[in-house]
Amino acid sequence: MPETEKKGLGYWVATIMNKVSSTCSVTLLILMCGLILLLGINIFLRYVFDSPIAWSNTISRYIYIIIALVGSAIAYTQQGHARIDVLYDRVGPKTKKAFDFTHYVIMMILCVIFMFAGSQHAMTMWPVHPPIIPWLPIGSIYLAIPIFSFLIFLYLLKKMISLFSARSCE
């Protein structure tokens, strides 16, 4: 396949999605290791020295929120989400294509809403800081919502392109 044919919209969306997804996966790994380390040290300090880290509960809560949102986006892109296939498995290919198209459009609209609303909320909450951690803007935690939505949007765009590609029509 010539290089110019390979570099269509689907190729670029897949490339961007793969980079964002791998960055999110590495970030989640780092956050999970940091969360385990933080909680382990806090438990040790609490029971051995009776002096826990004051901000560890707040940070662990925020890390958990980010892990849950971004992790669910990655699970969605790897089709690890819950779904009911009873009706879907019993219909023909044209009806499946209509179901897929409807699903992709509805989810893409929701992702766009979450990207804009999440970004606005993150910017609104940026000046707010938790009392125990004055250097951490709450808006940075809310950035997980647009990131989560963007990753799912890219995945759905990739699926929408493949739905109408020449190979899927055969």
C-alpha atoms as a PDB file:
ATOM      1  CA  MET A   1       0.000   0.000   0.000  1.00  0.00           C
ATOM      2  CA  PRO A   2       1.498   3.374  -0.972  1.00  0.00           C
ATOM      3  CA  GLU A   3       2.388   5.784   1.799  1.00  0.00           C
ATOM      4  CA  THR A   4      -0.143   8.397   0.623  1.00  0.00           C
ATOM      5  CA  GLU A   5      -3.074   5.936   0.785  1.00  0.00           C
ATOM      6  CA  LYS A   6      -2.126   4.834   4.264  1.00  0.00           C
ATOM      7  CA  LYS A   7      -2.185   8.374   5.687  1.00  0.00           C
ATOM      8  CA  GLY A   8      -5.929   9.028   5.546  1.00  0.00           C
ATOM      9  CA  LEU A   9      -8.088  10.428   8.322  1.00  0.00           C
ATOM     10  CA  GLY A  10      -8.513   7.005   9.918  1.00  0.00           C
ATOM     11  CA  TYR A  11      -4.742   6.529  10.066  1.00  0.00           C
ATOM     12  CA  TRP A  12      -4.198   9.883  11.804  1.00  0.00           C
ATOM     13  CA  VAL A  13      -7.034   9.342  14.267  1.00  0.00           C
ATOM     14  CA  ALA A  14      -5.689   5.875  15.101  1.00  0.00           C
ATOM     15  CA  THR A  15      -2.151   7.261  15.520  1.00  0.00           C
ATOM     16  CA  ILE A  16      -3.291  10.063  17.828  1.00  0.00           C
ATOM     17  CA  MET A  17      -5.535   7.703  19.771  1.00  0.00           C
ATOM     18  CA  ASN A  18      -2.733   5.183  20.235  1.00  0.00           C
ATOM     19  CA  LYS A  19      -0.367   7.883  21.525  1.00  0.00           C
ATOM     20  CA  VAL A  20      -2.957   9.357  23.899  1.00  0.00           C
ATOM     21  CA  SER A  21      -3.974   5.890  25.077  1.00  0.00           C
ATOM     22  CA  SER A  22      -0.395   4.779  25.739  1.00  0.00           C
ATOM     23  CA  THR A  23       0.338   8.058  27.550  1.00  0.00           C
ATOM     24  CA  CYS A  24      -2.769   7.552  29.689  1.00  0.00           C
ATOM     25  CA  SER A  25      -1.777   3.952  30.417  1.00  0.00           C
ATOM     26  CA  VAL A  26       1.699   4.974  31.568  1.00  0.00           C
ATOM     27  CA  THR A  27       0.225   7.812  33.625  1.00  0.00           C
ATOM     28  CA  LEU A  28      -2.225   5.406  35.257  1.00  0.00           C
ATOM     29  CA  LEU A  29       0.586   3.001  36.083  1.00  0.00           C
ATOM     30  CA  ILE A  30       2.589   5.805  37.698  1.00  0.00           C
ATOM     31  CA  LEU A  31      -0.461   7.068  39.602  1.00  0.00           C
ATOM     32  CA  MET A  32      -1.321   3.572  40.828  1.00  0.00           C
ATOM     33  CA  CYS A  33       2.245   2.946  42.010  1.00  0.00           C
ATOM     34  CA  GLY A  34       2.276   6.364  43.685  1.00  0.00           C
ATOM     35  CA  LEU A  35      -1.058   5.665  45.352  1.00  0.00           C
ATOM     36  CA  ILE A  36       0.143   2.316  46.694  1.00  0.00           C
ATOM     37  CA  LEU A  37       3.382   3.875  47.916  1.00  0.00           C
ATOM     38  CA  LEU A  38       1.608   6.847  49.524  1.00  0.00           C
ATOM     39  CA  LEU A  39      -0.968   4.714  51.299  1.00  0.00           C
ATOM     40  CA  GLY A  40       1.666   2.189  52.382  1.00  0.00           C
ATOM     41  CA  ILE A  41       3.880   4.900  53.877  1.00  0.00           C
ATOM     42  CA  ASN A  42       0.864   6.531  55.522  1.00  0.00           C
ATOM     43  CA  ILE A  43      -0.214   3.233  57.109  1.00  0.00           C
ATOM     44  CA  PHE A  44       3.335   2.621  58.322  1.00  0.00           C
ATOM     45  CA  LEU A  45       3.619   6.121  59.807  1.00  0.00           C
ATOM     46  CA  ARG A  46       0.185   5.883  61.411  1.00  0.00           C
ATOM     47  CA  TYR A  47       0.739   2.555  63.176  1.00  0.00           C
ATOM     48  CA  VAL A  48       4.448   2.738  63.931  1.00  0.00           C
ATOM     49  CA  PHE A  49       4.938   6.434  64.793  1.00  0.00           C
ATOM     50  CA  ASP A  50       1.289   7.438  65.394  1.00  0.00           C
ATOM     51  CA  SER A  51       1.849  10.352  63.007  1.00  0.00           C
ATOM     52  CA  PRO A  52       0.115   9.950  59.615  1.00  0.00           C
ATOM     53  CA  ILE A  53       0.631  12.246  56.644  1.00  0.00           C
ATOM     54  CA  ALA A  54      -2.079  14.915  56.894  1.00  0.00           C
ATOM     55  CA  TRP A  55      -2.667  15.325  53.154  1.00  0.00           C
ATOM     56  CA  SER A  56      -2.501  11.656  52.133  1.00  0.00           C
ATOM     57  CA  ASN A  57      -6.273  11.054  52.224  1.00  0.00           C
ATOM     58  CA  THR A  58      -6.959  14.071  50.025  1.00  0.00           C
ATOM     59  CA  ILE A  59      -4.296  13.173  47.485  1.00  0.00           C
ATOM     60  CA  SER A  60      -5.323   9.504  47.414  1.00  0.00           C
ATOM     61  CA  ARG A  61      -8.961  10.516  46.800  1.00  0.00           C
ATOM     62  CA  TYR A  62      -7.935  12.723  43.876  1.00  0.00           C
ATOM     63  CA  ILE A  63      -5.649  10.069  42.425  1.00  0.00           C
ATOM     64  CA  TYR A  64      -8.458   7.540  42.678  1.00  0.00           C
ATOM     65  CA  ILE A  65     -10.834   9.864  40.802  1.00  0.00           C
ATOM     66  CA  ILE A  66      -8.319  10.257  37.983  1.00  0.00           C
ATOM     67  CA  ILE A  67      -7.621   6.510  37.866  1.00  0.00           C
ATOM     68  CA  ALA A  68     -11.344   5.703  37.721  1.00  0.00           C
ATOM     69  CA  LEU A  69     -12.179   8.178  34.945  1.00  0.00           C
ATOM     70  CA  VAL A  70      -9.176   7.685  32.690  1.00  0.00           C
ATOM     71  CA  GLY A  71      -9.113   3.942  33.390  1.00  0.00           C
ATOM     72  CA  SER A  72     -12.742   3.615  32.349  1.00  0.00           C
ATOM     73  CA  ALA A  73     -11.937   5.422  29.096  1.00  0.00           C
ATOM     74  CA  ILE A  74      -9.143   2.960  28.399  1.00  0.00           C
ATOM     75  CA  ALA A  75     -11.444   0.057  29.275  1.00  0.00           C
ATOM     76  CA  TYR A  76     -14.034   1.461  26.864  1.00  0.00           C
ATOM     77  CA  THR A  77     -11.496   1.695  24.046  1.00  0.00           C
ATOM     78  CA  GLN A  78     -10.461  -1.906  24.671  1.00  0.00           C
ATOM     79  CA  GLN A  79     -14.136  -2.951  24.688  1.00  0.00           C
ATOM     80  CA  GLY A  80     -13.898  -3.966  28.326  1.00  0.00           C
ATOM     81  CA  HIS A  81     -17.122  -2.185  29.243  1.00  0.00           C
ATOM     82  CA  ALA A  82     -20.350  -3.947  30.143  1.00  0.00           C
ATOM     83  CA  ARG A  83     -22.797  -4.399  27.315  1.00  0.00           C
ATOM     84  CA  ILE A  84     -25.820  -6.498  26.455  1.00  0.00           C
ATOM     85  CA  ASP A  85     -25.510  -8.364  23.161  1.00  0.00           C
ATOM     86  CA  VAL A  86     -28.689 -10.465  23.199  1.00  0.00           C
ATOM     87  CA  LEU A  87     -30.496  -8.393  20.578  1.00  0.00           C
ATOM     88  CA  TYR A  88     -27.362  -7.258  18.756  1.00  0.00           C
ATOM     89  CA  ASP A  89     -26.200 -10.827  18.086  1.00  0.00           C
ATOM     90  CA  ARG A  90     -29.562 -11.812  16.550  1.00  0.00           C
ATOM     91  CA  VAL A  91     -29.883  -9.092  13.917  1.00  0.00           C
ATOM     92  CA  GLY A  92     -28.408  -8.855  10.430  1.00  0.00           C
ATOM     93  CA  PRO A  93     -25.306  -6.929   9.385  1.00  0.00           C
ATOM     94  CA  LYS A  94     -27.201  -3.853   8.157  1.00  0.00           C
ATOM     95  CA  THR A  95     -29.111  -3.569  11.433  1.00  0.00           C
ATOM     96  CA  LYS A  96     -25.861  -4.048  13.377  1.00  0.00           C
ATOM     97  CA  LYS A  97     -24.351  -1.219  11.349  1.00  0.00           C
ATOM     98  CA  ALA A  98     -27.352   0.990  12.190  1.00  0.00           C
ATOM     99  CA  PHE A  99     -27.047   0.069  15.889  1.00  0.00           C
ATOM    100  CA  ASP A 100     -23.323   0.834  15.818  1.00  0.00           C
ATOM    101  CA  PHE A 101     -23.866   4.146  14.032  1.00  0.00           C
ATOM    102  CA  THR A 102     -26.549   5.204  16.537  1.00  0.00           C
ATOM    103  CA  HIS A 103     -24.358   4.185  19.459  1.00  0.00           C
ATOM    104  CA  TYR A 104     -21.337   6.066  18.093  1.00  0.00           C
ATOM    105  CA  VAL A 105     -23.309   9.255  17.378  1.00  0.00           C
ATOM    106  CA  ILE A 106     -24.968   9.347  20.817  1.00  0.00           C
ATOM    107  CA  MET A 107     -21.691   8.648  22.606  1.00  0.00           C
ATOM    108  CA  MET A 108     -19.780  11.208  20.508  1.00  0.00           C
ATOM    109  CA  ILE A 109     -22.357  13.878  21.385  1.00  0.00           C
ATOM    110  CA  LEU A 110     -22.029  12.990  25.072  1.00  0.00           C
ATOM    111  CA  CYS A 111     -18.231  13.117  24.806  1.00  0.00           C
ATOM    112  CA  VAL A 112     -18.334  16.581  23.226  1.00  0.00           C
ATOM    113  CA  ILE A 113     -20.652  17.766  26.014  1.00  0.00           C
ATOM    114  CA  PHE A 114     -18.316  16.289  28.650  1.00  0.00           C
ATOM    115  CA  MET A 115     -15.241  17.807  26.966  1.00  0.00           C
ATOM    116  CA  PHE A 116     -16.696  21.319  26.937  1.00  0.00           C
ATOM    117  CA  ALA A 117     -18.476  21.178  30.294  1.00  0.00           C
ATOM    118  CA  GLY A 118     -15.522  19.431  31.948  1.00  0.00           C
ATOM    119  CA  SER A 119     -13.063  21.971  30.564  1.00  0.00           C
ATOM    120  CA  GLN A 120     -15.219  24.867  31.724  1.00  0.00           C
ATOM    121  CA  HIS A 121     -15.619  23.320  35.159  1.00  0.00           C
ATOM    122  CA  ALA A 122     -11.873  22.683  35.421  1.00  0.00           C
ATOM    123  CA  MET A 123     -11.124  26.299  34.510  1.00  0.00           C
ATOM    124  CA  THR A 124     -13.755  27.545  36.971  1.00  0.00           C
ATOM    125  CA  MET A 125     -12.338  25.412  39.770  1.00  0.00           C
ATOM    126  CA  TRP A 126      -8.674  26.177  38.992  1.00  0.00           C
ATOM    127  CA  PRO A 127      -8.384  29.007  41.562  1.00  0.00           C
ATOM    128  CA  VAL A 128      -9.887  26.794  44.304  1.00  0.00           C
ATOM    129  CA  HIS A 129      -7.400  24.903  46.472  1.00  0.00           C
ATOM    130  CA  PRO A 130      -8.057  22.328  49.183  1.00  0.00           C
ATOM    131  CA  PRO A 131      -7.199  23.725  52.622  1.00  0.00           C
ATOM    132  CA  ILE A 132      -4.745  20.933  53.418  1.00  0.00           C
ATOM    133  CA  ILE A 133      -2.897  21.247  50.051  1.00  0.00           C
ATOM    134  CA  PRO A 134      -2.691  24.934  49.085  1.00  0.00           C
ATOM    135  CA  TRP A 135      -0.422  24.304  46.086  1.00  0.00           C
ATOM    136  CA  LEU A 136      -2.854  21.943  44.284  1.00  0.00           C
ATOM    137  CA  PRO A 137      -5.629  23.523  42.199  1.00  0.00           C
ATOM    138  CA  ILE A 138      -8.858  21.515  42.277  1.00  0.00           C
ATOM    139  CA  GLY A 139      -9.254  22.257  38.560  1.00  0.00           C
ATOM    140  CA  SER A 140      -6.307  19.980  37.811  1.00  0.00           C
ATOM    141  CA  ILE A 141      -8.319  17.068  39.191  1.00  0.00           C
ATOM    142  CA  TYR A 142     -11.331  18.001  37.071  1.00  0.00           C
ATOM    143  CA  LEU A 143      -9.145  17.832  33.938  1.00  0.00           C
ATOM    144  CA  ALA A 144      -9.673  14.058  34.061  1.00  0.00           C
ATOM    145  CA  ILE A 145     -13.195  14.598  32.698  1.00  0.00           C
ATOM    146  CA  PRO A 146     -12.190  16.206  29.364  1.00  0.00           C
ATOM    147  CA  ILE A 147      -9.266  13.790  29.009  1.00  0.00           C
ATOM    148  CA  PHE A 148     -11.586  10.847  29.598  1.00  0.00           C
ATOM    149  CA  SER A 149     -14.070  12.246  27.078  1.00  0.00           C
ATOM    150  CA  PHE A 150     -11.398  13.042  24.489  1.00  0.00           C
ATOM    151  CA  LEU A 151      -9.994   9.519  24.596  1.00  0.00           C
ATOM    152  CA  ILE A 152     -13.435   7.974  24.133  1.00  0.00           C
ATOM    153  CA  PHE A 153     -14.256  10.487  21.373  1.00  0.00           C
ATOM    154  CA  LEU A 154     -11.107   9.535  19.446  1.00  0.00           C
ATOM    155  CA  TYR A 155     -11.948   5.859  19.816  1.00  0.00           C
ATOM    156  CA  LEU A 156     -15.504   6.442  18.570  1.00  0.00           C
ATOM    157  CA  LEU A 157     -14.223   8.525  15.661  1.00  0.00           C
ATOM    158  CA  LYS A 158     -11.902   5.678  14.714  1.00  0.00           C
ATOM    159  CA  LYS A 159     -14.795   3.198  14.945  1.00  0.00           C
ATOM    160  CA  MET A 160     -17.074   5.508  12.925  1.00  0.00           C
ATOM    161  CA  ILE A 161     -14.457   5.795  10.168  1.00  0.00           C
ATOM    162  CA  SER A 162     -13.985   2.025  10.090  1.00  0.00           C
ATOM    163  CA  LEU A 163     -17.771   1.571  10.000  1.00  0.00           C
ATOM    164  CA  PHE A 164     -17.909   3.402   6.664  1.00  0.00           C
ATOM    165  CA  SER A 165     -14.584   2.304   5.222  1.00  0.00           C
ATOM    166  CA  ALA A 166     -14.479   0.227   2.046  1.00  0.00           C
ATOM    167  CA  ARG A 167     -13.348  -2.880   3.902  1.00  0.00           C
ATOM    168  CA  SER A 168     -16.373  -2.928   6.247  1.00  0.00           C
ATOM    169  CA  CYS A 169     -18.806  -2.534   3.326  1.00  0.00           C
ATOM    170  CA  GLU A 170     -17.663  -5.737   1.623  1.00  0.00           C
END
